[in-house]
Amino acid sequence: MKNILIFALFGIVACSSPKEKTQIVEASCGQCKFGLNSQQGCDLAIKIDQNAYFIDGAHIDDFGDAHDKNIGFCNVVRKAEVTGKVENGRFKATSFKIIEE
């Protein structure tokens, strides 16, 4: 009986944690383009359902100069395919790929 209770509790905890999913999002500088002000400096962020989140697992300069006038995240909003989940107000990414248009 004790083992059944432990397995049931484990199942509830496993099902209640947010699952990672893959989705297409807008990606840009959180401060310059999405109006986030919870930290200073230029940092990569994504927008999901009109909510912007700073991202952990990818850096703003991983995809070229952030201030490049044509592709830089501080100047343009780009599309990205991301996998991860929102945790504590930040997006924890396990993958981040720019979608070229």
PDB file of N, CA and C in Angstrom:
ATOM      1  N   MET A   1       0.825  -1.195   0.000  1.00  0.00           N
ATOM      2  CA  MET A   1       0.000   0.000   0.000  1.00  0.00           C
ATOM      3  C   MET A   1       0.869   1.258   0.000  1.00  0.00           C
ATOM      4  N   LYS A   2       1.941   1.233   0.774  1.00  0.00           N
ATOM      5  CA  LYS A   2       2.848   2.380   0.846  1.00  0.00           C
ATOM      6  C   LYS A   2       3.475   2.647  -0.522  1.00  0.00           C
ATOM      7  N   ASN A   3       3.850   1.568  -1.230  1.00  0.00           N
ATOM      8  CA  ASN A   3       4.456   1.727  -2.557  1.00  0.00           C
ATOM      9  C   ASN A   3       3.472   2.329  -3.558  1.00  0.00           C
ATOM     10  N   ILE A   4       2.221   1.928  -3.483  1.00  0.00           N
ATOM     11  CA  ILE A   4       1.208   2.476  -4.381  1.00  0.00           C
ATOM     12  C   ILE A   4       1.046   3.974  -4.145  1.00  0.00           C
ATOM     13  N   LEU A   5       1.035   4.390  -2.888  1.00  0.00           N
ATOM     14  CA  LEU A   5       0.908   5.798  -2.550  1.00  0.00           C
ATOM     15  C   LEU A   5       2.110   6.584  -3.070  1.00  0.00           C
ATOM     16  N   ILE A   6       3.303   6.039  -2.931  1.00  0.00           N
ATOM     17  CA  ILE A   6       4.514   6.713  -3.417  1.00  0.00           C
ATOM     18  C   ILE A   6       4.466   6.864  -4.937  1.00  0.00           C
ATOM     19  N   PHE A   7       4.092   5.807  -5.660  1.00  0.00           N
ATOM     20  CA  PHE A   7       4.002   5.880  -7.117  1.00  0.00           C
ATOM     21  C   PHE A   7       2.924   6.864  -7.564  1.00  0.00           C
ATOM     22  N   ALA A   8       1.810   6.904  -6.864  1.00  0.00           N
ATOM     23  CA  ALA A   8       0.737   7.832  -7.203  1.00  0.00           C
ATOM     24  C   ALA A   8       1.208   9.279  -7.007  1.00  0.00           C
ATOM     25  N   LEU A   9       1.897   9.540  -5.917  1.00  0.00           N
ATOM     26  CA  LEU A   9       2.421  10.874  -5.646  1.00  0.00           C
ATOM     27  C   LEU A   9       3.451  11.269  -6.697  1.00  0.00           C
ATOM     28  N   PHE A  10       4.324  10.346  -7.052  1.00  0.00           N
ATOM     29  CA  PHE A  10       5.327  10.607  -8.089  1.00  0.00           C
ATOM     30  C   PHE A  10       4.655  10.939  -9.420  1.00  0.00           C
ATOM     31  N   GLY A  11       3.613  10.224  -9.767  1.00  0.00           N
ATOM     32  CA  GLY A  11       2.878  10.468 -11.009  1.00  0.00           C
ATOM     33  C   GLY A  11       2.235  11.838 -11.038  1.00  0.00           C
ATOM     34  N   ILE A  12       1.676  12.256  -9.925  1.00  0.00           N
ATOM     35  CA  ILE A  12       1.047  13.577  -9.845  1.00  0.00           C
ATOM     36  C   ILE A  12       2.092  14.667 -10.018  1.00  0.00           C
ATOM     37  N   VAL A  13       3.225  14.533  -9.364  1.00  0.00           N
ATOM     38  CA  VAL A  13       4.300  15.520  -9.474  1.00  0.00           C
ATOM     39  C   VAL A  13       4.836  15.562 -10.902  1.00  0.00           C
ATOM     40  N   ALA A  14       5.040  14.409 -11.515  1.00  0.00           N
ATOM     41  CA  ALA A  14       5.569  14.357 -12.883  1.00  0.00           C
ATOM     42  C   ALA A  14       4.608  14.996 -13.873  1.00  0.00           C
ATOM     43  N   CYS A  15       3.342  14.812 -13.691  1.00  0.00           N
ATOM     44  CA  CYS A  15       2.344  15.370 -14.613  1.00  0.00           C
ATOM     45  C   CYS A  15       2.114  16.862 -14.392  1.00  0.00           C
ATOM     46  N   SER A  16       2.420  17.368 -13.213  1.00  0.00           N
ATOM     47  CA  SER A  16       2.138  18.767 -12.921  1.00  0.00           C
ATOM     48  C   SER A  16       3.258  19.694 -13.351  1.00  0.00           C
ATOM     49  N   SER A  17       4.457  19.174 -13.627  1.00  0.00           N
ATOM     50  CA  SER A  17       5.546  20.048 -14.048  1.00  0.00           C
ATOM     51  C   SER A  17       5.360  20.432 -15.511  1.00  0.00           C
ATOM     52  N   PRO A  18       5.705  21.686 -15.856  1.00  0.00           N
ATOM     53  CA  PRO A  18       5.522  22.130 -17.233  1.00  0.00           C
ATOM     54  C   PRO A  18       6.378  21.305 -18.191  1.00  0.00           C
ATOM     55  N   LYS A  19       5.815  20.964 -19.333  1.00  0.00           N
ATOM     56  CA  LYS A  19       6.521  20.167 -20.331  1.00  0.00           C
ATOM     57  C   LYS A  19       7.160  21.100 -21.346  1.00  0.00           C
ATOM     58  N   GLU A  20       8.309  20.667 -21.852  1.00  0.00           N
ATOM     59  CA  GLU A  20       8.934  21.401 -22.938  1.00  0.00           C
ATOM     60  C   GLU A  20       8.129  21.197 -24.207  1.00  0.00           C
ATOM     61  N   LYS A  21       8.075  22.234 -25.019  1.00  0.00           N
ATOM     62  CA  LYS A  21       7.437  22.081 -26.307  1.00  0.00           C
ATOM     63  C   LYS A  21       8.171  22.933 -27.325  1.00  0.00           C
ATOM     64  N   THR A  22       8.038  22.563 -28.588  1.00  0.00           N
ATOM     65  CA  THR A  22       8.656  23.296 -29.683  1.00  0.00           C
ATOM     66  C   THR A  22       7.621  24.224 -30.285  1.00  0.00           C
ATOM     67  N   GLN A  23       8.032  25.473 -30.543  1.00  0.00           N
ATOM     68  CA  GLN A  23       7.107  26.455 -31.088  1.00  0.00           C
ATOM     69  C   GLN A  23       7.861  27.521 -31.881  1.00  0.00           C
ATOM     70  N   ILE A  24       7.141  28.211 -32.737  1.00  0.00           N
ATOM     71  CA  ILE A  24       7.685  29.329 -33.500  1.00  0.00           C
ATOM     72  C   ILE A  24       7.346  30.607 -32.738  1.00  0.00           C
ATOM     73  N   VAL A  25       8.370  31.445 -32.508  1.00  0.00           N
ATOM     74  CA  VAL A  25       8.197  32.655 -31.701  1.00  0.00           C
ATOM     75  C   VAL A  25       8.888  33.836 -32.373  1.00  0.00           C
ATOM     76  N   GLU A  26       8.611  35.023 -31.872  1.00  0.00           N
ATOM     77  CA  GLU A  26       9.375  36.207 -32.234  1.00  0.00           C
ATOM     78  C   GLU A  26      10.565  36.274 -31.285  1.00  0.00           C
ATOM     79  N   ALA A  27      11.731  36.649 -31.808  1.00  0.00           N
ATOM     80  CA  ALA A  27      12.934  36.762 -30.992  1.00  0.00           C
ATOM     81  C   ALA A  27      13.600  38.101 -31.266  1.00  0.00           C
ATOM     82  N   SER A  28      14.069  38.745 -30.216  1.00  0.00           N
ATOM     83  CA  SER A  28      14.725  40.033 -30.375  1.00  0.00           C
ATOM     84  C   SER A  28      15.376  40.422 -29.047  1.00  0.00           C
ATOM     85  N   CYS A  29      15.856  41.650 -28.996  1.00  0.00           N
ATOM     86  CA  CYS A  29      16.412  42.181 -27.753  1.00  0.00           C
ATOM     87  C   CYS A  29      15.259  42.517 -26.816  1.00  0.00           C
ATOM     88  N   GLY A  30      15.306  41.996 -25.627  1.00  0.00           N
ATOM     89  CA  GLY A  30      14.237  42.233 -24.661  1.00  0.00           C
ATOM     90  C   GLY A  30      14.073  43.697 -24.310  1.00  0.00           C
ATOM     91  N   GLN A  31      15.190  44.416 -24.192  1.00  0.00           N
ATOM     92  CA  GLN A  31      15.122  45.824 -23.819  1.00  0.00           C
ATOM     93  C   GLN A  31      14.785  46.713 -25.018  1.00  0.00           C
ATOM     94  N   CYS A  32      15.490  46.504 -26.149  1.00  0.00           N
ATOM     95  CA  CYS A  32      15.340  47.400 -27.302  1.00  0.00           C
ATOM     96  C   CYS A  32      14.023  47.216 -28.045  1.00  0.00           C
ATOM     97  N   LYS A  33      13.535  45.991 -28.152  1.00  0.00           N
ATOM     98  CA  LYS A  33      12.371  45.731 -28.994  1.00  0.00           C
ATOM     99  C   LYS A  33      11.125  45.278 -28.239  1.00  0.00           C
ATOM    100  N   PHE A  34      11.296  44.652 -27.081  1.00  0.00           N
ATOM    101  CA  PHE A  34      10.132  44.134 -26.363  1.00  0.00           C
ATOM    102  C   PHE A  34       9.797  44.933 -25.102  1.00  0.00           C
ATOM    103  N   GLY A  35      10.587  45.949 -24.778  1.00  0.00           N
ATOM    104  CA  GLY A  35      10.277  46.817 -23.647  1.00  0.00           C
ATOM    105  C   GLY A  35      10.480  46.201 -22.277  1.00  0.00           C
ATOM    106  N   LEU A  36      11.252  45.129 -22.186  1.00  0.00           N
ATOM    107  CA  LEU A  36      11.527  44.533 -20.874  1.00  0.00           C
ATOM    108  C   LEU A  36      12.555  45.391 -20.148  1.00  0.00           C
ATOM    109  N   ASN A  37      12.376  45.579 -18.863  1.00  0.00           N
ATOM    110  CA  ASN A  37      13.315  46.418 -18.120  1.00  0.00           C
ATOM    111  C   ASN A  37      13.745  45.798 -16.795  1.00  0.00           C
ATOM    112  N   SER A  38      13.599  44.501 -16.661  1.00  0.00           N
ATOM    113  CA  SER A  38      13.954  43.854 -15.394  1.00  0.00           C
ATOM    114  C   SER A  38      15.449  43.591 -15.253  1.00  0.00           C
ATOM    115  N   GLN A  39      16.216  43.835 -16.311  1.00  0.00           N
ATOM    116  CA  GLN A  39      17.670  43.747 -16.229  1.00  0.00           C
ATOM    117  C   GLN A  39      18.255  44.752 -17.197  1.00  0.00           C
ATOM    118  N   GLN A  40      19.534  45.103 -16.986  1.00  0.00           N
ATOM    119  CA  GLN A  40      20.164  46.123 -17.811  1.00  0.00           C
ATOM    120  C   GLN A  40      20.983  45.490 -18.923  1.00  0.00           C
ATOM    121  N   GLY A  41      21.175  46.219 -19.988  1.00  0.00           N
ATOM    122  CA  GLY A  41      21.956  45.749 -21.119  1.00  0.00           C
ATOM    123  C   GLY A  41      21.085  45.001 -22.101  1.00  0.00           C
ATOM    124  N   CYS A  42      21.664  44.714 -23.246  1.00  0.00           N
ATOM    125  CA  CYS A  42      20.928  44.034 -24.310  1.00  0.00           C
ATOM    126  C   CYS A  42      20.986  42.523 -24.099  1.00  0.00           C
ATOM    127  N   ASP A  43      19.815  41.903 -24.015  1.00  0.00           N
ATOM    128  CA  ASP A  43      19.724  40.462 -23.790  1.00  0.00           C
ATOM    129  C   ASP A  43      18.632  39.875 -24.669  1.00  0.00           C
ATOM    130  N   LEU A  44      18.846  38.649 -25.119  1.00  0.00           N
ATOM    131  CA  LEU A  44      17.908  37.962 -25.992  1.00  0.00           C
ATOM    132  C   LEU A  44      16.619  37.629 -25.247  1.00  0.00           C
ATOM    133  N   ALA A  45      15.511  37.826 -25.937  1.00  0.00           N
ATOM    134  CA  ALA A  45      14.202  37.514 -25.379  1.00  0.00           C
ATOM    135  C   ALA A  45      13.325  36.954 -26.493  1.00  0.00           C
ATOM    136  N   ILE A  46      12.259  36.290 -26.091  1.00  0.00           N
ATOM    137  CA  ILE A  46      11.280  35.794 -27.056  1.00  0.00           C
ATOM    138  C   ILE A  46       9.902  36.244 -26.626  1.00  0.00           C
ATOM    139  N   LYS A  47       8.987  36.244 -27.584  1.00  0.00           N
ATOM    140  CA  LYS A  47       7.601  36.623 -27.299  1.00  0.00           C
ATOM    141  C   LYS A  47       6.710  35.432 -27.625  1.00  0.00           C
ATOM    142  N   ILE A  48       5.952  34.994 -26.605  1.00  0.00           N
ATOM    143  CA  ILE A  48       4.998  33.898 -26.741  1.00  0.00           C
ATOM    144  C   ILE A  48       3.636  34.438 -26.329  1.00  0.00           C
ATOM    145  N   ASP A  49       2.659  34.352 -27.215  1.00  0.00           N
ATOM    146  CA  ASP A  49       1.299  34.816 -26.906  1.00  0.00           C
ATOM    147  C   ASP A  49       1.295  36.219 -26.305  1.00  0.00           C
ATOM    148  N   GLN A  50       2.018  37.134 -26.933  1.00  0.00           N
ATOM    149  CA  GLN A  50       2.093  38.542 -26.537  1.00  0.00           C
ATOM    150  C   GLN A  50       2.831  38.779 -25.222  1.00  0.00           C
ATOM    151  N   ASN A  51       3.417  37.744 -24.615  1.00  0.00           N
ATOM    152  CA  ASN A  51       4.220  37.895 -23.403  1.00  0.00           C
ATOM    153  C   ASN A  51       5.685  37.700 -23.757  1.00  0.00           C
ATOM    154  N   ALA A  52       6.546  38.612 -23.296  1.00  0.00           N
ATOM    155  CA  ALA A  52       7.974  38.533 -23.573  1.00  0.00           C
ATOM    156  C   ALA A  52       8.707  37.945 -22.377  1.00  0.00           C
ATOM    157  N   TYR A  53       9.711  37.118 -22.681  1.00  0.00           N
ATOM    158  CA  TYR A  53      10.515  36.458 -21.653  1.00  0.00           C
ATOM    159  C   TYR A  53      11.986  36.511 -22.045  1.00  0.00           C
ATOM    160  N   PHE A  54      12.845  36.864 -21.095  1.00  0.00           N
ATOM    161  CA  PHE A  54      14.268  36.689 -21.345  1.00  0.00           C
ATOM    162  C   PHE A  54      14.524  35.196 -21.475  1.00  0.00           C
ATOM    163  N   ILE A  55      15.563  34.848 -22.229  1.00  0.00           N
ATOM    164  CA  ILE A  55      15.818  33.450 -22.533  1.00  0.00           C
ATOM    165  C   ILE A  55      17.140  32.996 -21.933  1.00  0.00           C
ATOM    166  N   ASP A  56      17.134  31.825 -21.360  1.00  0.00           N
ATOM    167  CA  ASP A  56      18.351  31.152 -20.900  1.00  0.00           C
ATOM    168  C   ASP A  56      18.598  29.999 -21.859  1.00  0.00           C
ATOM    169  N   GLY A  57      19.839  29.832 -22.300  1.00  0.00           N
ATOM    170  CA  GLY A  57      20.159  28.751 -23.222  1.00  0.00           C
ATOM    171  C   GLY A  57      20.571  29.246 -24.597  1.00  0.00           C
ATOM    172  N   ALA A  58      20.483  30.540 -24.829  1.00  0.00           N
ATOM    173  CA  ALA A  58      20.948  31.174 -26.069  1.00  0.00           C
ATOM    174  C   ALA A  58      21.336  32.609 -25.715  1.00  0.00           C
ATOM    175  N   HIS A  59      22.361  33.126 -26.383  1.00  0.00           N
ATOM    176  CA  HIS A  59      22.859  34.473 -26.098  1.00  0.00           C
ATOM    177  C   HIS A  59      22.604  35.374 -27.296  1.00  0.00           C
ATOM    178  N   ILE A  60      22.387  36.627 -27.048  1.00  0.00           N
ATOM    179  CA  ILE A  60      22.043  37.585 -28.102  1.00  0.00           C
ATOM    180  C   ILE A  60      23.111  37.658 -29.193  1.00  0.00           C
ATOM    181  N   ASP A  61      24.381  37.464 -28.860  1.00  0.00           N
ATOM    182  CA  ASP A  61      25.451  37.544 -29.856  1.00  0.00           C
ATOM    183  C   ASP A  61      25.779  36.197 -30.496  1.00  0.00           C
ATOM    184  N   ASP A  62      25.055  35.146 -30.155  1.00  0.00           N
ATOM    185  CA  ASP A  62      25.277  33.838 -30.786  1.00  0.00           C
ATOM    186  C   ASP A  62      24.882  33.839 -32.260  1.00  0.00           C
ATOM    187  N   PHE A  63      24.136  34.838 -32.692  1.00  0.00           N
ATOM    188  CA  PHE A  63      23.566  34.859 -34.042  1.00  0.00           C
ATOM    189  C   PHE A  63      24.024  36.085 -34.821  1.00  0.00           C
ATOM    190  N   GLY A  64      25.218  36.559 -34.531  1.00  0.00           N
ATOM    191  CA  GLY A  64      25.773  37.743 -35.184  1.00  0.00           C
ATOM    192  C   GLY A  64      25.738  38.944 -34.253  1.00  0.00           C
ATOM    193  N   ASP A  65      26.224  40.055 -34.756  1.00  0.00           N
ATOM    194  CA  ASP A  65      26.283  41.290 -33.984  1.00  0.00           C
ATOM    195  C   ASP A  65      24.870  41.771 -33.648  1.00  0.00           C
ATOM    196  N   ALA A  66      24.590  41.910 -32.382  1.00  0.00           N
ATOM    197  CA  ALA A  66      23.251  42.313 -31.930  1.00  0.00           C
ATOM    198  C   ALA A  66      22.851  43.691 -32.449  1.00  0.00           C
ATOM    199  N   HIS A  67      23.835  44.506 -32.841  1.00  0.00           N
ATOM    200  CA  HIS A  67      23.531  45.862 -33.293  1.00  0.00           C
ATOM    201  C   HIS A  67      23.654  46.028 -34.809  1.00  0.00           C
ATOM    202  N   ASP A  68      23.803  44.928 -35.525  1.00  0.00           N
ATOM    203  CA  ASP A  68      23.809  44.995 -36.988  1.00  0.00           C
ATOM    204  C   ASP A  68      22.462  45.546 -37.453  1.00  0.00           C
ATOM    205  N   LYS A  69      22.478  46.505 -38.388  1.00  0.00           N
ATOM    206  CA  LYS A  69      21.224  47.168 -38.765  1.00  0.00           C
ATOM    207  C   LYS A  69      20.264  46.264 -39.531  1.00  0.00           C
ATOM    208  N   ASN A  70      20.760  45.180 -40.157  1.00  0.00           N
ATOM    209  CA  ASN A  70      19.893  44.312 -40.955  1.00  0.00           C
ATOM    210  C   ASN A  70      19.406  43.059 -40.227  1.00  0.00           C
ATOM    211  N   ILE A  71      20.256  42.480 -39.368  1.00  0.00           N
ATOM    212  CA  ILE A  71      19.881  41.225 -38.715  1.00  0.00           C
ATOM    213  C   ILE A  71      20.032  41.257 -37.196  1.00  0.00           C
ATOM    214  N   GLY A  72      20.576  42.331 -36.658  1.00  0.00           N
ATOM    215  CA  GLY A  72      20.839  42.398 -35.223  1.00  0.00           C
ATOM    216  C   GLY A  72      19.567  42.449 -34.397  1.00  0.00           C
ATOM    217  N   PHE A  73      19.551  41.688 -33.321  1.00  0.00           N
ATOM    218  CA  PHE A  73      18.354  41.608 -32.473  1.00  0.00           C
ATOM    219  C   PHE A  73      17.978  42.939 -31.832  1.00  0.00           C
ATOM    220  N   CYS A  74      18.900  43.876 -31.729  1.00  0.00           N
ATOM    221  CA  CYS A  74      18.550  45.182 -31.168  1.00  0.00           C
ATOM    222  C   CYS A  74      17.855  46.079 -32.190  1.00  0.00           C
ATOM    223  N   ASN A  75      17.862  45.647 -33.449  1.00  0.00           N
ATOM    224  CA  ASN A  75      17.249  46.445 -34.512  1.00  0.00           C
ATOM    225  C   ASN A  75      16.084  45.768 -35.218  1.00  0.00           C
ATOM    226  N   VAL A  76      16.028  44.459 -35.186  1.00  0.00           N
ATOM    227  CA  VAL A  76      14.947  43.740 -35.873  1.00  0.00           C
ATOM    228  C   VAL A  76      14.398  42.631 -34.988  1.00  0.00           C
ATOM    229  N   VAL A  77      13.152  42.287 -35.248  1.00  0.00           N
ATOM    230  CA  VAL A  77      12.526  41.137 -34.607  1.00  0.00           C
ATOM    231  C   VAL A  77      12.586  40.003 -35.617  1.00  0.00           C
ATOM    232  N   ARG A  78      13.113  38.853 -35.197  1.00  0.00           N
ATOM    233  CA  ARG A  78      13.265  37.715 -36.094  1.00  0.00           C
ATOM    234  C   ARG A  78      12.400  36.558 -35.606  1.00  0.00           C
ATOM    235  N   LYS A  79      12.142  35.618 -36.480  1.00  0.00           N
ATOM    236  CA  LYS A  79      11.391  34.405 -36.124  1.00  0.00           C
ATOM    237  C   LYS A  79      12.395  33.330 -35.713  1.00  0.00           C
ATOM    238  N   ALA A  80      11.996  32.542 -34.721  1.00  0.00           N
ATOM    239  CA  ALA A  80      12.853  31.453 -34.257  1.00  0.00           C
ATOM    240  C   ALA A  80      11.995  30.254 -33.878  1.00  0.00           C
ATOM    241  N   GLU A  81      12.590  29.081 -34.029  1.00  0.00           N
ATOM    242  CA  GLU A  81      11.972  27.852 -33.545  1.00  0.00           C
ATOM    243  C   GLU A  81      12.683  27.503 -32.251  1.00  0.00           C
ATOM    244  N   VAL A  82      11.933  27.439 -31.172  1.00  0.00           N
ATOM    245  CA  VAL A  82      12.519  27.169 -29.860  1.00  0.00           C
ATOM    246  C   VAL A  82      11.870  25.954 -29.222  1.00  0.00           C
ATOM    247  N   THR A  83      12.648  25.284 -28.412  1.00  0.00           N
ATOM    248  CA  THR A  83      12.138  24.213 -27.572  1.00  0.00           C
ATOM    249  C   THR A  83      12.525  24.548 -26.147  1.00  0.00           C
ATOM    250  N   GLY A  84      11.590  24.432 -25.240  1.00  0.00           N
ATOM    251  CA  GLY A  84      11.860  24.729 -23.846  1.00  0.00           C
ATOM    252  C   GLY A  84      10.574  24.982 -23.096  1.00  0.00           C
ATOM    253  N   LYS A  85      10.707  25.663 -21.963  1.00  0.00           N
ATOM    254  CA  LYS A  85       9.542  25.956 -21.139  1.00  0.00           C
ATOM    255  C   LYS A  85       9.787  27.212 -20.322  1.00  0.00           C
ATOM    256  N   VAL A  86       8.709  27.855 -19.924  1.00  0.00           N
ATOM    257  CA  VAL A  86       8.784  29.030 -19.070  1.00  0.00           C
ATOM    258  C   VAL A  86       8.889  28.563 -17.626  1.00  0.00           C
ATOM    259  N   GLU A  87       9.910  29.087 -16.943  1.00  0.00           N
ATOM    260  CA  GLU A  87      10.142  28.775 -15.527  1.00  0.00           C
ATOM    261  C   GLU A  87      10.569  30.044 -14.817  1.00  0.00           C
ATOM    262  N   ASN A  88       9.888  30.387 -13.747  1.00  0.00           N
ATOM    263  CA  ASN A  88      10.233  31.561 -12.947  1.00  0.00           C
ATOM    264  C   ASN A  88      10.343  32.828 -13.788  1.00  0.00           C
ATOM    265  N   GLY A  89       9.436  33.006 -14.737  1.00  0.00           N
ATOM    266  CA  GLY A  89       9.398  34.214 -15.539  1.00  0.00           C
ATOM    267  C   GLY A  89      10.435  34.314 -16.636  1.00  0.00           C
ATOM    268  N   ARG A  90      11.170  33.225 -16.895  1.00  0.00           N
ATOM    269  CA  ARG A  90      12.182  33.185 -17.959  1.00  0.00           C
ATOM    270  C   ARG A  90      11.927  31.957 -18.815  1.00  0.00           C
ATOM    271  N   PHE A  91      12.358  32.019 -20.075  1.00  0.00           N
ATOM    272  CA  PHE A  91      12.211  30.868 -20.953  1.00  0.00           C
ATOM    273  C   PHE A  91      13.507  30.077 -20.910  1.00  0.00           C
ATOM    274  N   LYS A  92      13.428  28.830 -20.484  1.00  0.00           N
ATOM    275  CA  LYS A  92      14.576  27.927 -20.416  1.00  0.00           C
ATOM    276  C   LYS A  92      14.618  27.134 -21.710  1.00  0.00           C
ATOM    277  N   ALA A  93      15.537  27.485 -22.608  1.00  0.00           N
ATOM    278  CA  ALA A  93      15.598  26.871 -23.933  1.00  0.00           C
ATOM    279  C   ALA A  93      16.556  25.694 -23.957  1.00  0.00           C
ATOM    280  N   THR A  94      16.110  24.621 -24.594  1.00  0.00           N
ATOM    281  CA  THR A  94      16.998  23.493 -24.879  1.00  0.00           C
ATOM    282  C   THR A  94      17.416  23.511 -26.334  1.00  0.00           C
ATOM    283  N   SER A  95      16.687  24.280 -27.168  1.00  0.00           N
ATOM    284  CA  SER A  95      17.123  24.535 -28.538  1.00  0.00           C
ATOM    285  C   SER A  95      16.581  25.876 -29.002  1.00  0.00           C
ATOM    286  N   PHE A  96      17.331  26.525 -29.876  1.00  0.00           N
ATOM    287  CA  PHE A  96      16.980  27.826 -30.408  1.00  0.00           C
ATOM    288  C   PHE A  96      17.546  27.910 -31.815  1.00  0.00           C
ATOM    289  N   LYS A  97      16.671  28.064 -32.818  1.00  0.00           N
ATOM    290  CA  LYS A  97      17.100  28.090 -34.209  1.00  0.00           C
ATOM    291  C   LYS A  97      16.398  29.229 -34.931  1.00  0.00           C
ATOM    292  N   ILE A  98      17.173  30.087 -35.573  1.00  0.00           N
ATOM    293  CA  ILE A  98      16.606  31.184 -36.346  1.00  0.00           C
ATOM    294  C   ILE A  98      15.966  30.627 -37.608  1.00  0.00           C
ATOM    295  N   ILE A  99      14.791  31.137 -37.929  1.00  0.00           N
ATOM    296  CA  ILE A  99      14.100  30.764 -39.159  1.00  0.00           C
ATOM    297  C   ILE A  99      14.338  31.882 -40.158  1.00  0.00           C
ATOM    298  N   GLU A 100      15.070  31.577 -41.202  1.00  0.00           N
ATOM    299  CA  GLU A 100      15.360  32.581 -42.227  1.00  0.00           C
ATOM    300  C   GLU A 100      14.131  32.792 -43.096  1.00  0.00           C
ATOM    301  N   GLU A 101      13.776  34.026 -43.335  1.00  0.00           N
ATOM    302  CA  GLU A 101      12.592  34.340 -44.141  1.00  0.00           C
ATOM    303  C   GLU A 101      12.977  34.769 -45.527  1.00  0.00           C
TER     304      GLU A 101
END
